[in-house]
Amino acid sequence: MDPTAVQPPNYVPPPTGGGAAGGAGGKGPWIIGGAVILVGIIIAVVLILTVGRNPAPVTPSATITPTASASPRPSPTPTRTRSPRPSPSVSPSPSASPTPPPVNNTTLVRETVEQAAEAERPGQLKHVGSVAFMDDQNCATGNGASASARFDTSDNQPPAGTYFLCQNANGRWKVTQGPLYGE
């Protein structure tokens, strides 16, 4: 280029020697590459130090038992220790109260049907029998039952009726249908 030629007013001539951004030797790309490598090394060191301090995650089934060689980390509040309990001595109890016998479902169904039959036909109930259990998907627990009630026939009403029951989540039986009278 001719130095005497007319140049535009905003023209800046190119650098001719050893600057940081270009020129002889081209040091710019090397500085950027070195900075990227240095940042990568710093990140790797920080990750190694951070992961080395955190314990491995504990799974719910894993149990950790402290050993005598492990020194506990100091806590900001003082820890309280319990003195060991003395081993309990075996002594017979003075009088153990007997547990009541378990009530079976047949008895519970009969009692529920007796109450329903007395409410339906007061004073006419003779007997509750023929208790049967079944799987009933219409019941909350899936347990159903039926029972027959015999009545006094002095007033020309049907002598027997069948009650259908469902067991609720509390184990109680409830009449859902009945009495259904048959021939």
Protein backbone atom coordinates (compact mmCIF):
# COMPACT_ATOMS: atom_id res chain seq x y z
CA MET A 1 0.00 0.00 0.00
CA ASP A 2 1.24 3.45 -0.81
CA PRO A 3 1.75 5.60 2.31
CA THR A 4 0.95 8.74 0.36
CA ALA A 5 -2.44 7.45 -0.83
CA VAL A 6 -5.52 9.11 0.61
CA GLN A 7 -7.12 7.04 3.32
CA PRO A 8 -10.68 7.24 4.73
CA PRO A 9 -10.98 9.43 7.85
CA ASN A 10 -11.64 6.45 10.28
CA TYR A 11 -8.85 4.23 8.90
CA VAL A 12 -6.51 2.63 11.47
CA PRO A 13 -3.41 0.93 10.06
CA PRO A 14 -2.86 -2.78 11.10
CA PRO A 15 -0.41 -3.42 13.93
CA THR A 16 3.02 -4.43 12.82
CA GLY A 17 4.64 -6.06 15.77
CA GLY A 18 4.27 -8.31 18.86
CA GLY A 19 0.96 -7.20 20.38
CA ALA A 20 -1.14 -9.52 22.56
CA ALA A 21 -4.04 -9.76 20.15
CA GLY A 22 -2.20 -10.48 16.96
CA GLY A 23 0.81 -9.61 14.95
CA ALA A 24 4.02 -11.63 14.90
CA GLY A 25 3.71 -14.94 16.70
CA GLY A 26 -0.15 -14.88 17.13
CA LYS A 27 -0.29 -15.23 20.93
CA GLY A 28 -4.08 -14.55 21.24
CA PRO A 29 -5.39 -18.11 20.59
CA TRP A 30 -2.75 -19.58 22.94
CA ILE A 31 -3.79 -17.32 25.82
CA ILE A 32 -7.48 -18.22 25.40
CA GLY A 33 -6.71 -21.94 25.14
CA GLY A 34 -4.48 -21.79 28.23
CA ALA A 35 -7.21 -19.99 30.20
CA VAL A 36 -9.80 -22.64 29.26
CA ILE A 37 -7.46 -25.45 30.36
CA LEU A 38 -6.66 -23.65 33.64
CA VAL A 39 -10.37 -23.17 34.43
CA GLY A 40 -11.03 -26.87 33.67
CA ILE A 41 -8.26 -27.96 36.04
CA ILE A 42 -9.59 -25.69 38.81
CA ILE A 43 -13.12 -27.10 38.40
CA ALA A 44 -11.80 -30.66 38.49
CA VAL A 45 -9.85 -30.01 41.72
CA VAL A 46 -12.88 -28.39 43.38
CA LEU A 47 -15.11 -31.34 42.44
CA ILE A 48 -12.60 -33.87 43.73
CA LEU A 49 -12.31 -32.04 47.04
CA THR A 50 -16.08 -31.63 47.37
CA VAL A 51 -16.94 -35.25 46.56
CA GLY A 52 -14.18 -36.48 48.86
CA ARG A 53 -15.77 -34.72 51.85
CA ASN A 54 -19.37 -35.91 51.38
CA PRO A 55 -20.20 -39.47 52.43
CA ALA A 56 -21.86 -41.83 49.99
CA PRO A 57 -25.67 -41.65 50.00
CA VAL A 58 -27.26 -43.99 52.55
CA THR A 59 -29.84 -46.41 51.26
CA PRO A 60 -32.86 -47.18 53.48
CA SER A 61 -31.76 -50.80 53.99
CA ALA A 62 -28.18 -49.94 54.96
CA THR A 63 -27.30 -49.62 58.62
CA ILE A 64 -24.25 -47.88 59.96
CA THR A 65 -22.74 -49.11 63.19
CA PRO A 66 -20.32 -46.82 64.97
CA THR A 67 -16.92 -48.27 65.79
CA ALA A 68 -14.52 -47.36 68.53
CA SER A 69 -11.90 -46.13 66.04
CA ALA A 70 -14.23 -43.57 64.47
CA SER A 71 -14.03 -40.23 66.20
CA PRO A 72 -17.31 -38.32 66.32
CA ARG A 73 -17.40 -34.83 64.94
CA PRO A 74 -17.85 -32.17 67.59
CA SER A 75 -21.40 -30.94 67.79
CA PRO A 76 -22.37 -27.38 68.63
CA THR A 77 -24.53 -28.59 71.54
CA PRO A 78 -23.33 -30.97 74.22
CA THR A 79 -24.59 -34.51 73.85
CA ARG A 80 -26.26 -36.35 76.68
CA THR A 81 -25.49 -39.94 77.34
CA ARG A 82 -27.73 -42.41 79.10
CA SER A 83 -26.57 -44.74 81.73
CA PRO A 84 -27.25 -48.35 80.81
CA ARG A 85 -30.44 -49.79 82.19
CA PRO A 86 -30.13 -52.70 84.55
CA SER A 87 -31.36 -55.94 83.08
CA PRO A 88 -34.92 -56.65 84.14
CA SER A 89 -35.32 -59.46 86.57
CA VAL A 90 -37.91 -62.07 85.77
CA SER A 91 -40.63 -62.08 88.37
CA PRO A 92 -44.03 -63.62 88.07
CA SER A 93 -46.86 -61.11 87.93
CA PRO A 94 -49.14 -61.25 90.95
CA SER A 95 -52.29 -61.94 88.94
CA ALA A 96 -52.54 -61.69 85.21
CA SER A 97 -55.99 -60.68 84.07
CA PRO A 98 -57.39 -63.23 81.66
CA THR A 99 -57.98 -61.95 78.17
CA PRO A 100 -61.52 -62.33 76.97
CA PRO A 101 -62.01 -65.02 74.35
CA PRO A 102 -62.13 -63.63 70.82
CA VAL A 103 -65.60 -63.12 69.46
CA ASN A 104 -66.01 -64.90 66.16
CA ASN A 105 -67.84 -63.47 63.18
CA THR A 106 -70.71 -65.95 63.46
CA THR A 107 -71.63 -64.57 66.88
CA LEU A 108 -71.34 -60.99 65.65
CA VAL A 109 -73.59 -61.69 62.66
CA ARG A 110 -76.21 -63.36 64.86
CA GLU A 111 -76.24 -60.46 67.32
CA THR A 112 -76.61 -57.94 64.49
CA VAL A 113 -79.48 -59.90 62.90
CA GLU A 114 -81.20 -60.28 66.30
CA GLN A 115 -81.17 -56.50 66.76
CA ALA A 116 -82.52 -55.92 63.24
CA ALA A 117 -85.22 -58.61 63.60
CA GLU A 118 -86.38 -57.23 66.96
CA ALA A 119 -86.62 -53.78 65.42
CA GLU A 120 -88.57 -55.15 62.42
CA ARG A 121 -90.98 -57.41 64.34
CA PRO A 122 -90.77 -56.67 68.08
CA GLY A 123 -91.40 -59.64 70.37
CA GLN A 124 -91.78 -62.17 67.53
CA LEU A 125 -88.19 -63.37 67.08
CA LYS A 126 -87.67 -67.02 67.98
CA HIS A 127 -84.23 -67.91 66.61
CA VAL A 128 -81.41 -66.67 64.36
CA GLY A 129 -79.54 -69.36 62.46
CA SER A 130 -78.15 -70.49 59.11
CA VAL A 131 -75.26 -68.03 59.15
CA ALA A 132 -73.27 -68.15 55.92
CA PHE A 133 -70.29 -66.09 54.80
CA MET A 134 -69.41 -65.05 51.26
CA ASP A 135 -67.18 -62.76 49.25
CA ASP A 136 -69.22 -59.69 48.41
CA GLN A 137 -67.60 -57.02 46.24
CA ASN A 138 -70.38 -54.57 47.19
CA CYS A 139 -69.07 -54.53 50.78
CA ALA A 140 -66.22 -52.22 51.76
CA THR A 141 -64.06 -55.10 53.02
CA GLY A 142 -65.32 -57.64 50.49
CA ASN A 143 -66.81 -59.77 53.31
CA GLY A 144 -70.52 -60.48 53.28
CA ALA A 145 -72.81 -62.73 55.28
CA SER A 146 -76.40 -63.89 55.44
CA ALA A 147 -78.50 -65.24 58.27
CA SER A 148 -82.06 -66.49 58.69
CA ALA A 149 -84.42 -65.38 61.43
CA ARG A 150 -87.42 -67.42 62.61
CA PHE A 151 -90.45 -65.53 63.84
CA ASP A 152 -93.68 -66.37 65.73
CA THR A 153 -96.41 -66.86 63.11
CA SER A 154 -99.43 -66.04 65.27
CA ASP A 155 -100.25 -62.93 63.21
CA ASN A 156 -100.14 -64.73 59.79
CA GLN A 157 -96.89 -63.11 58.70
CA PRO A 158 -94.10 -65.15 57.05
CA PRO A 159 -92.33 -67.45 59.54
CA ALA A 160 -88.74 -66.77 58.34
CA GLY A 161 -86.75 -63.95 56.82
CA THR A 162 -83.23 -63.73 55.46
CA TYR A 163 -80.92 -60.84 56.24
CA PHE A 164 -77.84 -59.88 54.21
CA LEU A 165 -74.93 -58.12 55.90
CA CYS A 166 -71.62 -56.44 55.05
CA GLN A 167 -68.58 -56.10 57.26
CA ASN A 168 -67.16 -52.57 57.48
CA ALA A 169 -63.52 -51.55 57.93
CA ASN A 170 -63.89 -51.59 61.74
CA GLY A 171 -64.92 -55.25 61.71
CA ARG A 172 -68.57 -54.52 62.55
CA TRP A 173 -71.41 -56.10 60.63
CA LYS A 174 -74.27 -54.04 59.19
CA VAL A 175 -77.55 -55.25 57.69
CA THR A 176 -77.77 -54.16 54.06
CA GLN A 177 -80.95 -56.04 53.05
CA GLY A 178 -83.68 -57.81 54.88
CA PRO A 179 -85.74 -59.36 55.94
CA LEU A 180 -86.42 -61.05 52.64
CA TYR A 181 -89.29 -63.48 53.03
CA GLY A 182 -89.47 -66.68 51.01
CA GLU A 183 -92.04 -69.35 50.43
